[in-house]
Protein backbone atom coordinates (compact mmCIF):
# COMPACT_ATOMS: atom_id res chain seq x y z
CA MET A 1 -79.34 237.34 202.32
CA ASN A 2 -82.01 239.76 201.70
CA THR A 3 -83.31 239.59 205.16
CA THR A 4 -79.89 239.84 206.95
CA ALA A 5 -78.94 242.96 204.89
CA ASN A 6 -82.63 244.14 205.74
CA ALA A 7 -81.16 244.04 209.59
CA ASP A 8 -78.16 245.69 209.11
CA ALA A 9 -79.52 248.37 207.65
CA MET A 10 -82.04 248.71 210.37
CA THR A 11 -79.35 248.87 212.75
CA ALA A 12 -77.24 250.94 210.90
CA ILE A 13 -80.14 253.18 211.13
CA LEU A 14 -80.83 253.01 214.50
CA ARG A 15 -77.10 253.77 215.20
CA GLN A 16 -78.07 256.96 213.41
CA ILE A 17 -80.97 257.20 215.22
CA SER A 18 -79.50 257.42 218.64
CA LEU A 19 -76.93 259.21 217.63
CA ASP A 20 -78.53 262.22 216.50
CA TRP A 21 -80.85 261.95 219.90
CA ASN A 22 -77.36 262.12 222.10
CA ARG A 23 -76.35 265.00 219.72
CA THR A 24 -79.67 266.67 220.27
CA ILE A 25 -79.57 266.67 224.60
CA SER A 26 -75.90 267.58 224.46
CA TYR A 27 -76.94 271.25 225.11
CA GLY A 28 -78.67 269.73 228.14
CA ARG A 29 -81.99 268.41 229.58
CA SER A 30 -82.74 272.97 231.04
CA TYR A 31 -82.43 273.08 226.98
CA ILE A 32 -85.21 270.14 225.83
CA ALA A 33 -87.51 271.37 228.45
CA ILE A 34 -87.38 274.74 227.71
CA PHE A 35 -87.72 273.99 223.90
CA PHE A 36 -91.05 271.33 224.62
CA ALA A 37 -92.49 274.00 226.91
CA TYR A 38 -91.90 276.87 224.37
CA VAL A 39 -95.06 276.06 222.24
CA PRO A 40 -97.86 275.00 224.80
CA GLY A 41 -96.71 278.14 227.00
CA PHE A 42 -96.78 280.78 224.18
CA THR A 43 -100.05 279.45 222.95
CA CYS A 44 -101.59 279.08 226.23
CA LEU A 45 -100.39 283.12 227.16
CA MET A 46 -101.98 283.81 224.23
CA ALA A 47 -105.42 282.34 224.83
CA ALA A 48 -105.19 283.79 228.71
CA THR A 49 -104.89 287.10 227.06
CA GLY A 50 -107.91 287.07 225.13
CA SER A 51 -106.44 286.01 221.51
CA THR A 52 -109.27 284.02 219.40
CA LEU A 53 -108.64 280.44 218.45
CA ALA A 54 -108.25 280.71 215.29
CA SER A 55 -105.10 282.97 216.31
CA VAL A 56 -103.62 280.32 218.77
CA ALA A 57 -103.49 277.78 216.56
CA GLY A 58 -101.90 279.56 213.57
CA ALA A 59 -99.28 280.42 215.97
CA ALA A 60 -98.92 277.21 217.03
CA ILE A 61 -98.07 275.38 213.91
CA GLY A 62 -95.60 278.41 213.35
CA GLY A 63 -94.08 278.13 216.32
CA ALA A 64 -93.72 274.31 216.39
CA ALA A 65 -92.77 274.46 212.73
CA SER A 66 -89.48 277.39 212.66
CA GLY A 67 -88.72 275.85 216.42
CA PHE A 68 -88.35 271.82 215.02
CA LEU A 69 -86.89 273.39 211.87
CA MET A 70 -84.10 275.05 213.83
CA LEU A 71 -83.11 271.20 215.30
CA ASN A 72 -82.78 270.30 212.29
CA ILE A 73 -79.88 273.05 211.57
CA THR A 74 -79.00 273.04 215.16
CA LEU A 75 -77.92 268.69 214.17
CA PHE A 76 -75.54 270.02 211.68
CA SER A 77 -74.02 272.98 213.30
CA TYR A 78 -73.48 270.58 216.60
CA GLU A 79 -71.46 268.19 213.73
CA GLN A 80 -69.48 271.20 213.09
CA MET A 81 -68.21 272.12 216.28
CA ASN A 82 -65.00 270.87 217.51
CA ASN A 83 -64.50 269.24 214.26
CA HIS A 84 -67.25 266.52 215.46
CA HIS A 85 -68.38 266.05 211.74
CA TRP A 86 -64.69 264.17 211.25
CA MET A 87 -66.93 261.35 213.34
CA ASN A 88 -69.16 260.72 210.95
CA GLY A 89 -66.08 259.02 208.25
CA ILE A 90 -65.81 256.74 211.18
CA VAL A 91 -69.03 255.76 213.13
CA PRO A 92 -69.51 252.12 211.89
CA ILE A 93 -72.41 253.69 209.47
CA SER A 94 -72.61 254.01 205.67
CA ARG A 95 -73.61 257.39 204.54
CA ASN A 96 -76.90 256.16 202.85
CA HIS A 97 -77.55 255.09 206.43
CA GLN A 98 -76.86 257.89 207.95
CA ILE A 99 -79.00 260.14 205.58
CA LEU A 100 -81.83 257.72 206.05
CA GLY A 101 -81.35 257.60 210.26
CA ARG A 102 -81.43 261.61 209.85
CA PHE A 103 -84.50 261.41 207.87
CA ALA A 104 -86.10 259.01 210.21
CA PHE A 105 -85.09 260.77 213.23
CA LEU A 106 -86.29 264.53 212.07
CA ILE A 107 -89.96 262.45 211.17
CA VAL A 108 -90.26 261.00 214.93
CA CYS A 109 -89.28 264.52 215.94
CA ASP A 110 -91.87 266.02 213.67
CA LEU A 111 -94.67 263.56 214.62
CA VAL A 112 -93.40 264.98 218.40
CA ALA A 113 -94.27 268.26 217.31
CA GLY A 114 -97.67 267.86 215.90
CA LEU A 115 -98.54 265.96 219.37
CA GLU A 116 -97.15 268.99 221.04
CA VAL A 117 -99.62 271.13 218.52
CA ALA A 118 -102.67 269.26 219.26
CA VAL A 119 -102.07 269.05 223.30
CA SER A 120 -101.31 273.26 222.71
CA ILE A 121 -104.68 274.33 221.23
CA ALA A 122 -106.33 271.67 223.03
CA CYS A 123 -105.22 273.14 226.41
CA ALA A 124 -105.92 277.17 224.57
CA GLY A 125 -109.51 275.69 224.03
CA ILE A 126 -109.99 275.30 227.40
CA ILE A 127 -108.81 278.76 228.83
CA ILE A 128 -110.91 280.27 226.24
CA HIS A 129 -114.12 278.32 226.56
CA GLU A 130 -113.82 276.65 223.44
CA PRO A 131 -113.75 273.32 223.43
CA VAL A 132 -111.74 272.00 220.38
CA LYS A 133 -112.98 269.18 218.60
CA VAL A 134 -111.00 265.99 218.34
CA THR A 135 -111.20 265.52 214.66
CA ASP A 136 -109.60 269.44 214.50
CA ALA A 137 -106.76 268.60 216.69
CA ILE A 138 -105.76 265.68 214.58
CA GLY A 139 -106.23 268.05 211.56
CA PHE A 140 -103.91 270.43 213.19
CA ALA A 141 -101.39 268.17 214.25
CA ALA A 142 -101.21 266.11 210.61
CA MET A 143 -100.71 270.20 209.17
CA THR A 144 -97.93 270.42 211.16
CA VAL A 145 -96.11 267.23 210.69
CA LEU A 146 -96.73 267.50 207.14
CA THR A 147 -95.54 270.78 206.86
CA LEU A 148 -92.46 270.09 208.76
CA VAL A 149 -91.46 266.82 206.43
CA LEU A 150 -91.65 269.40 203.46
CA LEU A 151 -89.49 271.99 205.04
CA ASN A 152 -86.61 269.62 206.51
CA ALA A 153 -86.91 267.66 202.85
CA ILE A 154 -86.31 270.95 201.26
CA VAL A 155 -83.73 272.79 203.54
CA GLN A 156 -81.88 269.11 203.34
CA PRO A 157 -79.73 269.04 200.51
CA PHE A 158 -78.65 272.85 201.51
CA LEU A 159 -77.21 271.47 204.93
CA TYR A 160 -75.72 268.61 203.30
CA ARG A 161 -73.95 270.94 200.46
CA PHE A 162 -73.09 274.31 202.78
CA SER A 163 -72.53 274.81 206.39
CA PRO A 164 -75.09 275.35 208.72
CA TYR A 165 -74.08 278.96 208.53
CA ARG A 166 -74.26 279.47 204.72
CA ALA A 167 -77.17 277.09 204.43
CA MET A 168 -78.83 279.57 206.87
CA ALA A 169 -78.09 282.33 204.22
CA ALA A 170 -79.20 280.37 201.32
CA ILE A 171 -82.60 279.32 202.53
CA ILE A 172 -82.92 282.92 203.85
CA LEU A 173 -82.75 284.23 200.67
CA SER A 174 -84.73 281.31 199.13
CA ILE A 175 -87.64 282.53 201.33
CA GLY A 176 -86.76 286.36 199.89
CA VAL A 177 -87.22 285.33 196.95
CA ILE A 178 -90.60 283.22 197.18
CA VAL A 179 -91.83 285.93 199.42
CA GLY A 180 -90.42 288.45 196.08
CA THR A 181 -92.55 286.54 193.81
CA VAL A 182 -95.34 286.28 195.81
CA ILE A 183 -95.78 290.05 196.20
CA GLY A 184 -94.94 290.75 192.40
CA LEU A 185 -97.99 288.23 191.30
CA ARG A 186 -100.30 290.16 193.71
CA LYS A 187 -99.22 293.50 192.08
CA ALA A 188 -99.22 292.36 188.54
CA LEU A 189 -101.91 289.67 188.69
CA PRO A 190 -105.59 291.40 190.19
CA GLU A 191 -107.14 288.05 190.55
CA PHE A 192 -104.28 285.96 192.07
CA GLU A 193 -105.37 287.12 195.60
CA LYS A 194 -108.95 286.15 195.33
CA THR A 195 -107.97 282.52 193.22
CA VAL A 196 -105.54 282.04 196.63
CA GLU A 197 -109.17 282.57 198.94
CA GLN A 198 -110.92 280.21 196.84
CA LEU A 199 -107.98 278.05 197.15
CA ALA A 200 -107.95 278.28 200.93
CA GLU A 201 -111.99 277.65 200.91
CA ALA A 202 -111.71 274.81 199.02
CA ILE A 203 -109.09 273.13 200.97
CA SER A 204 -111.07 274.10 204.08
CA ARG A 205 -113.69 272.25 202.91
CA HIS A 206 -111.78 269.28 201.40
CA GLN A 207 -109.78 268.74 204.72
CA ALA A 208 -108.87 264.89 203.59
CA ILE A 209 -108.32 265.15 200.42
CA ALA A 210 -106.06 268.28 201.00
CA LEU A 211 -104.24 266.18 203.49
CA ALA A 212 -103.55 263.42 201.09
CA ALA A 213 -102.71 265.18 198.72
CA PHE A 214 -100.03 267.15 201.03
CA LEU A 215 -98.85 263.25 201.85
CA ILE A 216 -98.10 262.30 198.65
CA ILE A 217 -96.21 265.92 198.14
CA ASP A 218 -93.94 265.07 201.56
CA VAL A 219 -93.24 261.03 200.00
CA LEU A 220 -92.19 262.60 196.48
CA ALA A 221 -89.58 265.49 198.52
CA LEU A 222 -88.18 263.12 201.00
CA ALA A 223 -87.24 260.92 197.97
CA PHE A 224 -85.71 263.88 195.78
CA SER A 225 -84.53 265.07 198.48
CA SER A 226 -82.75 262.03 200.01
CA LYS A 227 -81.46 261.27 196.66
CA ILE A 228 -80.04 264.48 196.01
CA SER A 229 -78.46 264.45 199.45
CA LEU A 230 -76.88 261.73 199.14
CA HIS A 231 -75.43 262.56 195.78
CA ILE A 232 -73.64 265.96 197.59
CA TYR A 233 -72.88 264.22 200.80
CA GLY A 234 -71.11 261.40 198.82
CA SER A 235 -69.12 263.38 196.87
CA LYS A 236 -67.67 265.02 200.16
CA ASP A 237 -64.40 263.98 202.13
CA ILE A 238 -65.10 263.19 205.90
């Protein structure tokens, strides 16, 4: 009985993943090509114009994180177009499995983003004549994936609660509050910046431990986000 239920749940999640993929490619193959070519093209251009590998790596991770986060928002935007979100009420997928399928699809996209960052930085290293170690490339990829998973977990309840445009406003407002808090702490606490630098140095010395801690945070964030998202989504009429 449990085996059948698990199989049905997996089938429903796979249906949701397929549905989200069809939404993603609905903008055309040229959109997908440009989307995936953006980060490698930009990082290689930076490398060719004299940027350091450290700055290229930061730009690659930031570009992939922002671009793939927008992909999540695009999925919700597509659902709002032409009242397409009403289809969610008649597809043979429960709301719980719709949410789990959406998270699963995003995690797959996050893994692609990590691979893209690793390849981009490796290519930039070749241009700069500064070969990138395999372990460093894996570290950059892991940081990209873990950052994206956390960001998607944070924004998901906003996207289920509000329209994509209002969710974007709420997310931007939240970022503004965080940035303002950091600036305030830097001014109020003279040791704050030094503490942050010491923390960054400790993370660079113990990358494996830092990534493991980041992974635990991501798992907890996903569990909390999916629960909140289901509570919000389950109370809506669709």
